[in-house]
Amino acid sequence: MVDGEIDEGSLGVGAIRARYLRAVPKDSKILICPSILSADFAHLAAAIDGVAEQTDWLHVDVMDGHFVPNLTIGAPVVKSLRAHTDAFLDCHLMMTNPEKFLADFAKAGASQCSVHVELGITTDLIVQCRDLGMRVGLVANPDAPFETFAEFLGDIDTMLLMTVFPGFGGQSFMPEVLPKIAATAAEIQRLAVSTVLQVDGGITVSTAPQCAHAGARAFVAGNAIFGALDPLRAASALRASVENELAGARS
């Protein structure tokens, strides 16, 4: 068996999950999350290996062609990734019916699945993710008001705020989401919970510091990393841009 491959015959889902879950990061921890949506799928293993040094979470965008107008990958690709890497696999499910597939992602080796609040079945999805042993993420689109997800911030592991409308890579960052990032960060602090505040969409060395200033600590980047001539250097520069912003804020 290849190192990292899931032996479903000898391990239950809970035991499988225990092999890949990571501890909840501290509030000060910066998480760089390269999105494989922008990687070369013909050389995906090489692409993720190339940025491993600067990868905290590997972000996997799953689109069903219904919730968003695009179709990408599913649990079989996650299983292939898991056989290749022990990285934290952060799966963003842009799906109308994720409840039908969460078990497949858990068995495939997903560390965390993030589901959209817009579906209106958030509590059920949180329970299902927990029962499967995965970390739980909740996602809100740019036009989703803070009130639609605020009540769940103490029940989830990650809150992902989209800074573009999901469905396609390479879109421009929407600065109008920044106040919502700040409000979410303030509520997480008020609740004194360890929920990770993540952002995704047009994240670059210019926009990531703005999000960090507002309170985000996990940064999903696709084109800014894999679209660069030197993806590893680009990921390092992204981290440095956030670190410099936070250092300036503390000084």
C-alpha atoms as a PDB file:
ATOM      1  CA  MET A   1       0.000   0.000   0.000  1.00  0.00           C
ATOM      2  CA  VAL A   2       1.294   3.469  -0.919  1.00  0.00           C
ATOM      3  CA  ASP A   3       2.127   5.573   2.140  1.00  0.00           C
ATOM      4  CA  GLY A   4      -0.923   7.684   2.986  1.00  0.00           C
ATOM      5  CA  GLU A   5      -3.372   5.504   1.064  1.00  0.00           C
ATOM      6  CA  ILE A   6      -6.588   4.700   2.933  1.00  0.00           C
ATOM      7  CA  ASP A   7      -7.088   1.072   3.870  1.00  0.00           C
ATOM      8  CA  GLU A   8     -10.855   1.118   4.278  1.00  0.00           C
ATOM      9  CA  GLY A   9     -10.934  -2.572   5.056  1.00  0.00           C
ATOM     10  CA  SER A  10      -9.014  -2.235   8.289  1.00  0.00           C
ATOM     11  CA  LEU A  11      -9.857   1.289   9.441  1.00  0.00           C
ATOM     12  CA  GLY A  12     -13.168   2.868  10.309  1.00  0.00           C
ATOM     13  CA  VAL A  13     -13.945   6.389   9.146  1.00  0.00           C
ATOM     14  CA  GLY A  14     -13.080   7.814  12.568  1.00  0.00           C
ATOM     15  CA  ALA A  15      -9.655   6.172  12.567  1.00  0.00           C
ATOM     16  CA  ILE A  16      -9.020   7.320   9.016  1.00  0.00           C
ATOM     17  CA  ARG A  17      -9.864  10.882   9.992  1.00  0.00           C
ATOM     18  CA  ALA A  18      -7.519  10.776  12.980  1.00  0.00           C
ATOM     19  CA  ARG A  19      -4.579  10.161  10.659  1.00  0.00           C
ATOM     20  CA  TYR A  20      -5.058  13.378   8.747  1.00  0.00           C
ATOM     21  CA  LEU A  21      -6.701  15.961  10.996  1.00  0.00           C
ATOM     22  CA  ARG A  22      -4.553  18.799  12.279  1.00  0.00           C
ATOM     23  CA  ALA A  23      -4.911  20.697  15.536  1.00  0.00           C
ATOM     24  CA  VAL A  24      -6.935  23.882  15.419  1.00  0.00           C
ATOM     25  CA  PRO A  25      -4.408  26.673  14.793  1.00  0.00           C
ATOM     26  CA  LYS A  26      -3.973  29.496  17.254  1.00  0.00           C
ATOM     27  CA  ASP A  27      -5.500  32.855  16.388  1.00  0.00           C
ATOM     28  CA  SER A  28      -2.109  34.241  15.371  1.00  0.00           C
ATOM     29  CA  LYS A  29      -1.370  31.411  12.962  1.00  0.00           C
ATOM     30  CA  ILE A  30      -1.280  32.379   9.287  1.00  0.00           C
ATOM     31  CA  LEU A  31      -2.567  29.664   6.981  1.00  0.00           C
ATOM     32  CA  ILE A  32      -1.660  29.738   3.294  1.00  0.00           C
ATOM     33  CA  CYS A  33      -4.079  27.578   1.315  1.00  0.00           C
ATOM     34  CA  PRO A  34      -3.055  27.051  -2.331  1.00  0.00           C
ATOM     35  CA  SER A  35      -6.080  26.237  -4.449  1.00  0.00           C
ATOM     36  CA  ILE A  36      -5.497  23.380  -6.879  1.00  0.00           C
ATOM     37  CA  LEU A  37      -8.236  24.791  -9.133  1.00  0.00           C
ATOM     38  CA  SER A  38      -5.516  26.893 -10.767  1.00  0.00           C
ATOM     39  CA  ALA A  39      -2.879  24.155 -10.888  1.00  0.00           C
ATOM     40  CA  ASP A  40      -1.946  22.118 -13.958  1.00  0.00           C
ATOM     41  CA  PHE A  41      -4.170  19.057 -13.589  1.00  0.00           C
ATOM     42  CA  ALA A  42      -1.942  17.096 -15.955  1.00  0.00           C
ATOM     43  CA  HIS A  43       0.871  17.462 -13.403  1.00  0.00           C
ATOM     44  CA  LEU A  44      -1.107  17.893 -10.205  1.00  0.00           C
ATOM     45  CA  ALA A  45       1.184  15.876  -7.930  1.00  0.00           C
ATOM     46  CA  ALA A  46       4.216  17.869  -9.061  1.00  0.00           C
ATOM     47  CA  ALA A  47       2.301  21.124  -8.626  1.00  0.00           C
ATOM     48  CA  ILE A  48       1.356  20.457  -5.011  1.00  0.00           C
ATOM     49  CA  ASP A  49       4.808  19.122  -4.206  1.00  0.00           C
ATOM     50  CA  GLY A  50       6.262  22.316  -5.610  1.00  0.00           C
ATOM     51  CA  VAL A  51       4.448  24.500  -3.069  1.00  0.00           C
ATOM     52  CA  ALA A  52       4.441  22.056  -0.139  1.00  0.00           C
ATOM     53  CA  GLU A  53       7.001  24.115   1.780  1.00  0.00           C
ATOM     54  CA  GLN A  54       4.551  27.034   1.926  1.00  0.00           C
ATOM     55  CA  THR A  55       1.314  25.023   2.163  1.00  0.00           C
ATOM     56  CA  ASP A  56      -0.604  24.951   5.430  1.00  0.00           C
ATOM     57  CA  TRP A  57      -3.843  23.681   3.920  1.00  0.00           C
ATOM     58  CA  LEU A  58      -4.355  22.408   0.373  1.00  0.00           C
ATOM     59  CA  HIS A  59      -7.600  23.893  -0.908  1.00  0.00           C
ATOM     60  CA  VAL A  60      -9.803  21.723  -3.134  1.00  0.00           C
ATOM     61  CA  ASP A  61     -12.657  23.433  -4.996  1.00  0.00           C
ATOM     62  CA  VAL A  62     -15.520  21.065  -5.760  1.00  0.00           C
ATOM     63  CA  MET A  63     -18.132  22.451  -8.166  1.00  0.00           C
ATOM     64  CA  ASP A  64     -21.205  20.532  -9.261  1.00  0.00           C
ATOM     65  CA  GLY A  65     -22.376  22.598 -12.232  1.00  0.00           C
ATOM     66  CA  HIS A  66     -25.615  23.434 -10.375  1.00  0.00           C
ATOM     67  CA  PHE A  67     -24.804  25.495  -7.291  1.00  0.00           C
ATOM     68  CA  VAL A  68     -22.204  27.274  -9.419  1.00  0.00           C
ATOM     69  CA  PRO A  69     -21.999  27.373 -13.239  1.00  0.00           C
ATOM     70  CA  ASN A  70     -18.914  25.197 -13.485  1.00  0.00           C
ATOM     71  CA  LEU A  71     -17.955  21.550 -13.015  1.00  0.00           C
ATOM     72  CA  THR A  72     -14.692  20.453 -11.478  1.00  0.00           C
ATOM     73  CA  ILE A  73     -13.618  17.457  -9.404  1.00  0.00           C
ATOM     74  CA  GLY A  74     -14.978  15.107  -6.774  1.00  0.00           C
ATOM     75  CA  ALA A  75     -14.071  12.595  -4.103  1.00  0.00           C
ATOM     76  CA  PRO A  76     -11.992  10.335  -6.423  1.00  0.00           C
ATOM     77  CA  VAL A  77      -9.489  13.144  -6.956  1.00  0.00           C
ATOM     78  CA  VAL A  78      -9.385  13.789  -3.210  1.00  0.00           C
ATOM     79  CA  LYS A  79      -8.612  10.091  -2.703  1.00  0.00           C
ATOM     80  CA  SER A  80      -5.755  10.347  -5.200  1.00  0.00           C
ATOM     81  CA  LEU A  81      -4.418  13.432  -3.444  1.00  0.00           C
ATOM     82  CA  ARG A  82      -4.605  11.719  -0.074  1.00  0.00           C
ATOM     83  CA  ALA A  83      -2.569   8.781  -1.394  1.00  0.00           C
ATOM     84  CA  HIS A  84       0.115  11.260  -2.448  1.00  0.00           C
ATOM     85  CA  THR A  85       0.212  13.713   0.454  1.00  0.00           C
ATOM     86  CA  ASP A  86      -0.483  13.970   4.167  1.00  0.00           C
ATOM     87  CA  ALA A  87      -1.411  17.646   3.776  1.00  0.00           C
ATOM     88  CA  PHE A  88      -4.558  19.042   5.356  1.00  0.00           C
ATOM     89  CA  LEU A  89      -7.134  18.705   2.546  1.00  0.00           C
ATOM     90  CA  ASP A  90      -9.522  21.637   2.772  1.00  0.00           C
ATOM     91  CA  CYS A  91     -12.499  20.824   0.530  1.00  0.00           C
ATOM     92  CA  HIS A  92     -14.874  23.624  -0.470  1.00  0.00           C
ATOM     93  CA  LEU A  93     -18.102  21.995  -1.629  1.00  0.00           C
ATOM     94  CA  MET A  94     -19.944  24.253  -4.059  1.00  0.00           C
ATOM     95  CA  MET A  95     -22.824  21.813  -4.343  1.00  0.00           C
ATOM     96  CA  THR A  96     -26.599  21.911  -4.039  1.00  0.00           C
ATOM     97  CA  ASN A  97     -26.714  18.558  -2.225  1.00  0.00           C
ATOM     98  CA  PRO A  98     -23.471  18.056  -0.279  1.00  0.00           C
ATOM     99  CA  GLU A  99     -25.264  15.820   2.236  1.00  0.00           C
ATOM    100  CA  LYS A 100     -25.248  13.053  -0.395  1.00  0.00           C
ATOM    101  CA  PHE A 101     -21.486  13.195  -0.821  1.00  0.00           C
ATOM    102  CA  LEU A 102     -19.969  14.065   2.557  1.00  0.00           C
ATOM    103  CA  ALA A 103     -19.392  10.417   3.428  1.00  0.00           C
ATOM    104  CA  ASP A 104     -17.544   9.926   0.144  1.00  0.00           C
ATOM    105  CA  PHE A 105     -15.242  12.849   0.907  1.00  0.00           C
ATOM    106  CA  ALA A 106     -14.629  11.572   4.422  1.00  0.00           C
ATOM    107  CA  LYS A 107     -13.654   8.129   3.120  1.00  0.00           C
ATOM    108  CA  ALA A 108     -11.497   9.718   0.424  1.00  0.00           C
ATOM    109  CA  GLY A 109      -9.418  11.503   3.055  1.00  0.00           C
ATOM    110  CA  ALA A 110     -10.794  15.036   3.267  1.00  0.00           C
ATOM    111  CA  SER A 111      -9.615  16.773   6.436  1.00  0.00           C
ATOM    112  CA  GLN A 112     -12.346  19.408   6.312  1.00  0.00           C
ATOM    113  CA  CYS A 113     -15.430  20.006   4.202  1.00  0.00           C
ATOM    114  CA  SER A 114     -16.879  23.492   3.921  1.00  0.00           C
ATOM    115  CA  VAL A 115     -20.530  23.847   2.906  1.00  0.00           C
ATOM    116  CA  HIS A 116     -22.550  26.889   1.941  1.00  0.00           C
ATOM    117  CA  VAL A 117     -24.865  28.651   4.358  1.00  0.00           C
ATOM    118  CA  GLU A 118     -27.074  29.585   1.400  1.00  0.00           C
ATOM    119  CA  LEU A 119     -28.363  26.000   1.256  1.00  0.00           C
ATOM    120  CA  GLY A 120     -30.377  26.576   4.432  1.00  0.00           C
ATOM    121  CA  ILE A 121     -29.576  23.220   6.075  1.00  0.00           C
ATOM    122  CA  THR A 122     -26.503  24.308   8.021  1.00  0.00           C
ATOM    123  CA  THR A 123     -27.257  22.542  11.300  1.00  0.00           C
ATOM    124  CA  ASP A 124     -27.853  19.192   9.606  1.00  0.00           C
ATOM    125  CA  LEU A 125     -24.644  19.495   7.589  1.00  0.00           C
ATOM    126  CA  ILE A 126     -22.593  20.409  10.662  1.00  0.00           C
ATOM    127  CA  VAL A 127     -23.909  17.340  12.493  1.00  0.00           C
ATOM    128  CA  GLN A 128     -23.217  15.107   9.506  1.00  0.00           C
ATOM    129  CA  CYS A 129     -19.649  16.379   9.140  1.00  0.00           C
ATOM    130  CA  ARG A 130     -19.010  15.880  12.847  1.00  0.00           C
ATOM    131  CA  ASP A 131     -20.426  12.351  12.746  1.00  0.00           C
ATOM    132  CA  LEU A 132     -18.038  11.549   9.894  1.00  0.00           C
ATOM    133  CA  GLY A 133     -15.096  12.822  11.916  1.00  0.00           C
ATOM    134  CA  MET A 134     -14.246  15.766   9.682  1.00  0.00           C
ATOM    135  CA  ARG A 135     -13.554  19.345  10.609  1.00  0.00           C
ATOM    136  CA  VAL A 136     -16.449  21.583   9.598  1.00  0.00           C
ATOM    137  CA  GLY A 137     -16.314  24.691   7.470  1.00  0.00           C
ATOM    138  CA  LEU A 138     -19.120  27.078   6.594  1.00  0.00           C
ATOM    139  CA  VAL A 139     -19.044  29.316   3.518  1.00  0.00           C
ATOM    140  CA  ALA A 140     -20.853  32.582   2.795  1.00  0.00           C
ATOM    141  CA  ASN A 141     -21.017  34.254  -0.593  1.00  0.00           C
ATOM    142  CA  PRO A 142     -20.238  37.974  -0.918  1.00  0.00           C
ATOM    143  CA  ASP A 143     -23.925  38.936  -0.779  1.00  0.00           C
ATOM    144  CA  ALA A 144     -24.745  36.774   2.276  1.00  0.00           C
ATOM    145  CA  PRO A 145     -25.389  39.039   5.274  1.00  0.00           C
ATOM    146  CA  PHE A 146     -23.419  38.532   8.472  1.00  0.00           C
ATOM    147  CA  GLU A 147     -26.654  37.544  10.230  1.00  0.00           C
ATOM    148  CA  THR A 148     -27.076  34.442   8.048  1.00  0.00           C
ATOM    149  CA  PHE A 149     -24.063  32.712   9.568  1.00  0.00           C
ATOM    150  CA  ALA A 150     -23.236  34.513  12.835  1.00  0.00           C
ATOM    151  CA  GLU A 151     -25.187  32.039  14.979  1.00  0.00           C
ATOM    152  CA  PHE A 152     -23.011  29.152  13.754  1.00  0.00           C
ATOM    153  CA  LEU A 153     -19.576  30.652  14.444  1.00  0.00           C
ATOM    154  CA  GLY A 154     -19.217  28.783  17.715  1.00  0.00           C
ATOM    155  CA  ASP A 155     -20.213  25.447  16.165  1.00  0.00           C
ATOM    156  CA  ILE A 156     -17.768  25.266  13.245  1.00  0.00           C
ATOM    157  CA  ASP A 157     -14.023  25.059  12.757  1.00  0.00           C
ATOM    158  CA  THR A 158     -13.647  27.415   9.785  1.00  0.00           C
ATOM    159  CA  MET A 159     -15.673  30.325   8.437  1.00  0.00           C
ATOM    160  CA  LEU A 160     -14.903  30.951   4.784  1.00  0.00           C
ATOM    161  CA  LEU A 161     -15.950  34.325   3.440  1.00  0.00           C
ATOM    162  CA  MET A 162     -15.947  34.496  -0.326  1.00  0.00           C
ATOM    163  CA  THR A 163     -14.456  37.695  -1.714  1.00  0.00           C
ATOM    164  CA  VAL A 164     -15.725  36.840  -5.204  1.00  0.00           C
ATOM    165  CA  PHE A 165     -18.805  34.952  -6.310  1.00  0.00           C
ATOM    166  CA  PRO A 166     -17.702  31.309  -6.555  1.00  0.00           C
ATOM    167  CA  GLY A 167     -17.579  29.318  -9.747  1.00  0.00           C
ATOM    168  CA  PHE A 168     -14.473  30.480 -11.577  1.00  0.00           C
ATOM    169  CA  GLY A 169     -10.879  31.287 -10.757  1.00  0.00           C
ATOM    170  CA  GLY A 170      -9.136  34.518 -11.668  1.00  0.00           C
ATOM    171  CA  GLN A 171     -11.849  36.948 -10.536  1.00  0.00           C
ATOM    172  CA  SER A 172     -11.179  40.353  -9.014  1.00  0.00           C
ATOM    173  CA  PHE A 173     -11.306  40.836  -5.260  1.00  0.00           C
ATOM    174  CA  MET A 174     -14.459  42.518  -3.892  1.00  0.00           C
ATOM    175  CA  PRO A 175     -13.403  45.056  -1.240  1.00  0.00           C
ATOM    176  CA  GLU A 176     -16.998  45.526  -0.127  1.00  0.00           C
ATOM    177  CA  VAL A 177     -16.648  42.228   1.780  1.00  0.00           C
ATOM    178  CA  LEU A 178     -14.000  43.705   4.107  1.00  0.00           C
ATOM    179  CA  PRO A 179     -16.490  45.092   6.657  1.00  0.00           C
ATOM    180  CA  LYS A 180     -18.091  41.641   6.917  1.00  0.00           C
ATOM    181  CA  ILE A 181     -14.660  40.104   7.504  1.00  0.00           C
ATOM    182  CA  ALA A 182     -14.083  42.598  10.318  1.00  0.00           C
ATOM    183  CA  ALA A 183     -17.511  41.922  11.852  1.00  0.00           C
ATOM    184  CA  THR A 184     -16.927  38.176  11.702  1.00  0.00           C
ATOM    185  CA  ALA A 185     -13.480  38.466  13.289  1.00  0.00           C
ATOM    186  CA  ALA A 186     -14.935  40.601  16.079  1.00  0.00           C
ATOM    187  CA  GLU A 187     -17.685  38.077  16.763  1.00  0.00           C
ATOM    188  CA  ILE A 188     -15.218  35.178  16.847  1.00  0.00           C
ATOM    189  CA  GLN A 189     -13.177  37.123  19.377  1.00  0.00           C
ATOM    190  CA  ARG A 190     -16.266  37.969  21.428  1.00  0.00           C
ATOM    191  CA  LEU A 191     -17.297  34.316  21.536  1.00  0.00           C
ATOM    192  CA  ALA A 192     -13.732  33.333  22.504  1.00  0.00           C
ATOM    193  CA  VAL A 193     -13.774  30.412  20.053  1.00  0.00           C
ATOM    194  CA  SER A 194     -10.989  29.049  17.855  1.00  0.00           C
ATOM    195  CA  THR A 195     -12.912  29.289  14.576  1.00  0.00           C
ATOM    196  CA  VAL A 196     -10.529  30.027  11.697  1.00  0.00           C
ATOM    197  CA  LEU A 197     -11.533  32.975   9.528  1.00  0.00           C
ATOM    198  CA  GLN A 198     -10.683  32.177   5.911  1.00  0.00           C
ATOM    199  CA  VAL A 199     -11.006  34.240   2.717  1.00  0.00           C
ATOM    200  CA  ASP A 200     -11.104  33.145  -0.901  1.00  0.00           C
ATOM    201  CA  GLY A 201     -11.322  35.080  -4.153  1.00  0.00           C
ATOM    202  CA  GLY A 202      -8.839  37.420  -5.790  1.00  0.00           C
ATOM    203  CA  ILE A 203      -6.388  36.918  -2.925  1.00  0.00           C
ATOM    204  CA  THR A 204      -2.978  38.391  -3.830  1.00  0.00           C
ATOM    205  CA  VAL A 205      -0.063  40.151  -2.142  1.00  0.00           C
ATOM    206  CA  SER A 206      -2.146  43.331  -2.432  1.00  0.00           C
ATOM    207  CA  THR A 207      -5.496  42.067  -1.172  1.00  0.00           C
ATOM    208  CA  ALA A 208      -4.398  39.503   1.431  1.00  0.00           C
ATOM    209  CA  PRO A 209      -3.005  42.224   3.754  1.00  0.00           C
ATOM    210  CA  GLN A 210      -6.344  44.054   3.586  1.00  0.00           C
ATOM    211  CA  CYS A 211      -8.116  40.864   4.657  1.00  0.00           C
ATOM    212  CA  ALA A 212      -5.542  40.249   7.386  1.00  0.00           C
ATOM    213  CA  HIS A 213      -6.044  43.769   8.695  1.00  0.00           C
ATOM    214  CA  ALA A 214      -9.784  43.036   8.879  1.00  0.00           C
ATOM    215  CA  GLY A 215      -9.144  39.817  10.811  1.00  0.00           C
ATOM    216  CA  ALA A 216      -8.718  36.951   8.341  1.00  0.00           C
ATOM    217  CA  ARG A 217      -6.002  34.400   9.083  1.00  0.00           C
ATOM    218  CA  ALA A 218      -6.415  31.768   6.346  1.00  0.00           C
ATOM    219  CA  PHE A 219      -5.872  32.759   2.719  1.00  0.00           C
ATOM    220  CA  VAL A 220      -6.944  30.743  -0.299  1.00  0.00           C
ATOM    221  CA  ALA A 221      -5.043  31.636  -3.465  1.00  0.00           C
ATOM    222  CA  GLY A 222      -5.148  29.964  -6.841  1.00  0.00           C
ATOM    223  CA  ASN A 223      -3.935  32.111  -9.712  1.00  0.00           C
ATOM    224  CA  ALA A 224      -1.704  34.180  -7.438  1.00  0.00           C
ATOM    225  CA  ILE A 225       0.265  31.017  -6.651  1.00  0.00           C
ATOM    226  CA  PHE A 226      -0.106  28.491  -9.448  1.00  0.00           C
ATOM    227  CA  GLY A 227      -0.364  31.153 -12.136  1.00  0.00           C
ATOM    228  CA  ALA A 228       3.043  32.547 -11.201  1.00  0.00           C
ATOM    229  CA  LEU A 229       6.292  31.569 -12.919  1.00  0.00           C
ATOM    230  CA  ASP A 230       7.584  30.419  -9.529  1.00  0.00           C
ATOM    231  CA  PRO A 231       4.601  29.180  -7.472  1.00  0.00           C
ATOM    232  CA  LEU A 232       6.650  28.501  -4.342  1.00  0.00           C
ATOM    233  CA  ARG A 233       8.122  31.980  -4.377  1.00  0.00           C
ATOM    234  CA  ALA A 234       4.645  33.418  -4.976  1.00  0.00           C
ATOM    235  CA  ALA A 235       3.238  31.521  -1.985  1.00  0.00           C
ATOM    236  CA  SER A 236       6.135  32.748   0.158  1.00  0.00           C
ATOM    237  CA  ALA A 237       5.501  36.326  -0.960  1.00  0.00           C
ATOM    238  CA  LEU A 238       1.828  35.968  -0.080  1.00  0.00           C
ATOM    239  CA  ARG A 239       2.711  34.819   3.426  1.00  0.00           C
ATOM    240  CA  ALA A 240       5.230  37.636   3.816  1.00  0.00           C
ATOM    241  CA  SER A 241       2.645  40.222   2.758  1.00  0.00           C
ATOM    242  CA  VAL A 242       0.319  39.058   5.540  1.00  0.00           C
ATOM    243  CA  GLU A 243       3.098  38.812   8.120  1.00  0.00           C
ATOM    244  CA  ASN A 244       4.228  42.353   7.319  1.00  0.00           C
ATOM    245  CA  GLU A 245       0.707  43.676   7.675  1.00  0.00           C
ATOM    246  CA  LEU A 246       0.199  42.015  11.030  1.00  0.00           C
ATOM    247  CA  ALA A 247       3.616  43.089  12.280  1.00  0.00           C
ATOM    248  CA  GLY A 248       2.810  46.656  11.344  1.00  0.00           C
ATOM    249  CA  ALA A 249      -0.513  46.466  13.125  1.00  0.00           C
ATOM    250  CA  ARG A 250       1.191  45.256  16.321  1.00  0.00           C
ATOM    251  CA  SER A 251       3.910  47.903  16.289  1.00  0.00           C
END
